[in-house]
Amino acid sequence: MPTTAGVLQSLFGALAITCMALLFDWVAFVPGPREFHTGSSSIHRGGSVNSTFGRVAFGVFAVFLDLFAFHAWRQTIRVFKRQTDTGPT
């Protein structure tokens, strides 16, 4: 196995991180009603939580995932450029 990830591995990784980031962005920033609960599962929902608190919690993680997705795409482009410069091995 090569020590560096190939272009397809980097591409699929960047796509996966981007999809997760878009999900958290949607919950945090897209207008519309949201309902958050304090429970840890769908069986035990717990009490309701303020919508703003839930959006802030998702927003913090959304920004983190956006930065991570940006880094993943930069790495994918870097791997692609390196492979096209040296040729396939």
C-alpha atoms as a PDB file:
ATOM      1  CA  MET A   1       0.000   0.000   0.000  1.00  0.00           C
ATOM      2  CA  PRO A   2       1.287   3.484  -0.762  1.00  0.00           C
ATOM      3  CA  THR A   3       2.033   5.716   2.186  1.00  0.00           C
ATOM      4  CA  THR A   4       0.014   8.628   0.746  1.00  0.00           C
ATOM      5  CA  ALA A   5      -3.661   8.585  -0.073  1.00  0.00           C
ATOM      6  CA  GLY A   6      -4.631   8.519  -3.701  1.00  0.00           C
ATOM      7  CA  VAL A   7      -6.765  11.112  -5.424  1.00  0.00           C
ATOM      8  CA  LEU A   8      -9.945   9.039  -5.156  1.00  0.00           C
ATOM      9  CA  GLN A   9      -9.451   8.405  -1.439  1.00  0.00           C
ATOM     10  CA  SER A  10      -8.895  12.108  -0.833  1.00  0.00           C
ATOM     11  CA  LEU A  11     -11.858  13.004  -3.017  1.00  0.00           C
ATOM     12  CA  PHE A  12     -14.251  10.654  -1.218  1.00  0.00           C
ATOM     13  CA  GLY A  13     -12.981  11.840   2.167  1.00  0.00           C
ATOM     14  CA  ALA A  14     -13.521  15.476   1.217  1.00  0.00           C
ATOM     15  CA  LEU A  15     -17.018  14.675  -0.067  1.00  0.00           C
ATOM     16  CA  ALA A  16     -17.928  12.860   3.151  1.00  0.00           C
ATOM     17  CA  ILE A  17     -16.735  15.744   5.339  1.00  0.00           C
ATOM     18  CA  THR A  18     -18.560  18.241   3.105  1.00  0.00           C
ATOM     19  CA  CYS A  19     -21.827  16.298   3.390  1.00  0.00           C
ATOM     20  CA  MET A  20     -21.569  16.262   7.181  1.00  0.00           C
ATOM     21  CA  ALA A  21     -20.737  19.971   7.206  1.00  0.00           C
ATOM     22  CA  LEU A  22     -23.742  20.773   4.997  1.00  0.00           C
ATOM     23  CA  LEU A  23     -26.054  18.856   7.327  1.00  0.00           C
ATOM     24  CA  PHE A  24     -24.879  20.813  10.368  1.00  0.00           C
ATOM     25  CA  ASP A  25     -24.980  24.091   8.374  1.00  0.00           C
ATOM     26  CA  TRP A  26     -28.584  23.378   7.424  1.00  0.00           C
ATOM     27  CA  VAL A  27     -29.681  22.718  11.004  1.00  0.00           C
ATOM     28  CA  ALA A  28     -27.835  25.762  12.349  1.00  0.00           C
ATOM     29  CA  PHE A  29     -28.308  28.457   9.711  1.00  0.00           C
ATOM     30  CA  VAL A  30     -31.279  27.729   7.402  1.00  0.00           C
ATOM     31  CA  PRO A  31     -34.471  29.510   8.507  1.00  0.00           C
ATOM     32  CA  GLY A  32     -37.377  27.436   9.683  1.00  0.00           C
ATOM     33  CA  PRO A  33     -38.733  25.827  12.833  1.00  0.00           C
ATOM     34  CA  ARG A  34     -36.407  23.533  14.769  1.00  0.00           C
ATOM     35  CA  GLU A  35     -37.202  21.446  17.835  1.00  0.00           C
ATOM     36  CA  PHE A  36     -34.405  20.390  20.197  1.00  0.00           C
ATOM     37  CA  HIS A  37     -34.671  18.124  23.259  1.00  0.00           C
ATOM     38  CA  THR A  38     -32.332  17.317  26.148  1.00  0.00           C
ATOM     39  CA  GLY A  39     -32.641  13.529  25.822  1.00  0.00           C
ATOM     40  CA  SER A  40     -29.891  11.347  24.470  1.00  0.00           C
ATOM     41  CA  SER A  41     -31.985   9.074  22.250  1.00  0.00           C
ATOM     42  CA  SER A  42     -35.209   8.950  20.318  1.00  0.00           C
ATOM     43  CA  ILE A  43     -36.752   6.733  23.022  1.00  0.00           C
ATOM     44  CA  HIS A  44     -36.063   9.195  25.851  1.00  0.00           C
ATOM     45  CA  ARG A  45     -36.497  12.623  24.253  1.00  0.00           C
ATOM     46  CA  GLY A  46     -36.227  14.664  27.437  1.00  0.00           C
ATOM     47  CA  GLY A  47     -37.494  18.197  27.870  1.00  0.00           C
ATOM     48  CA  SER A  48     -37.592  20.856  25.210  1.00  0.00           C
ATOM     49  CA  VAL A  49     -34.661  23.240  24.776  1.00  0.00           C
ATOM     50  CA  ASN A  50     -34.702  26.762  23.416  1.00  0.00           C
ATOM     51  CA  SER A  51     -34.298  26.743  19.622  1.00  0.00           C
ATOM     52  CA  THR A  52     -31.559  29.377  19.799  1.00  0.00           C
ATOM     53  CA  PHE A  53     -29.473  27.219  22.137  1.00  0.00           C
ATOM     54  CA  GLY A  54     -29.751  24.232  19.791  1.00  0.00           C
ATOM     55  CA  ARG A  55     -28.861  26.321  16.740  1.00  0.00           C
ATOM     56  CA  VAL A  56     -25.808  27.781  18.496  1.00  0.00           C
ATOM     57  CA  ALA A  57     -24.617  24.300  19.471  1.00  0.00           C
ATOM     58  CA  PHE A  58     -25.022  23.079  15.889  1.00  0.00           C
ATOM     59  CA  GLY A  59     -23.516  26.320  14.560  1.00  0.00           C
ATOM     60  CA  VAL A  60     -20.287  25.936  16.522  1.00  0.00           C
ATOM     61  CA  PHE A  61     -19.775  22.426  15.221  1.00  0.00           C
ATOM     62  CA  ALA A  62     -20.892  23.508  11.714  1.00  0.00           C
ATOM     63  CA  VAL A  63     -18.150  26.144  11.545  1.00  0.00           C
ATOM     64  CA  PHE A  64     -15.604  23.582  12.741  1.00  0.00           C
ATOM     65  CA  LEU A  65     -16.720  21.107  10.060  1.00  0.00           C
ATOM     66  CA  ASP A  66     -16.667  23.842   7.396  1.00  0.00           C
ATOM     67  CA  LEU A  67     -13.035  24.574   8.223  1.00  0.00           C
ATOM     68  CA  PHE A  68     -12.221  20.867   8.195  1.00  0.00           C
ATOM     69  CA  ALA A  69     -13.973  20.442   4.817  1.00  0.00           C
ATOM     70  CA  PHE A  70     -11.964  23.373   3.434  1.00  0.00           C
ATOM     71  CA  HIS A  71      -8.768  21.685   4.617  1.00  0.00           C
ATOM     72  CA  ALA A  72      -9.840  18.347   3.121  1.00  0.00           C
ATOM     73  CA  TRP A  73     -10.494  19.963  -0.284  1.00  0.00           C
ATOM     74  CA  ARG A  74      -7.118  21.729  -0.160  1.00  0.00           C
ATOM     75  CA  GLN A  75      -5.439  18.388   0.549  1.00  0.00           C
ATOM     76  CA  THR A  76      -7.363  16.731  -2.304  1.00  0.00           C
ATOM     77  CA  ILE A  77      -6.262  19.415  -4.757  1.00  0.00           C
ATOM     78  CA  ARG A  78      -2.680  19.144  -3.492  1.00  0.00           C
ATOM     79  CA  VAL A  79      -2.683  15.341  -3.980  1.00  0.00           C
ATOM     80  CA  PHE A  80      -4.219  15.738  -7.445  1.00  0.00           C
ATOM     81  CA  LYS A  81      -1.578  18.296  -8.492  1.00  0.00           C
ATOM     82  CA  ARG A  82       1.244  16.159  -7.107  1.00  0.00           C
ATOM     83  CA  GLN A  83      -0.018  13.091  -8.987  1.00  0.00           C
ATOM     84  CA  THR A  84      -0.432  14.978 -12.294  1.00  0.00           C
ATOM     85  CA  ASP A  85       3.028  16.555 -11.952  1.00  0.00           C
ATOM     86  CA  THR A  86       4.796  13.219 -11.341  1.00  0.00           C
ATOM     87  CA  GLY A  87       2.508  11.042 -13.416  1.00  0.00           C
ATOM     88  CA  PRO A  88       0.664   7.944 -12.238  1.00  0.00           C
ATOM     89  CA  THR A  89       2.775   5.342 -10.470  1.00  0.00           C
END
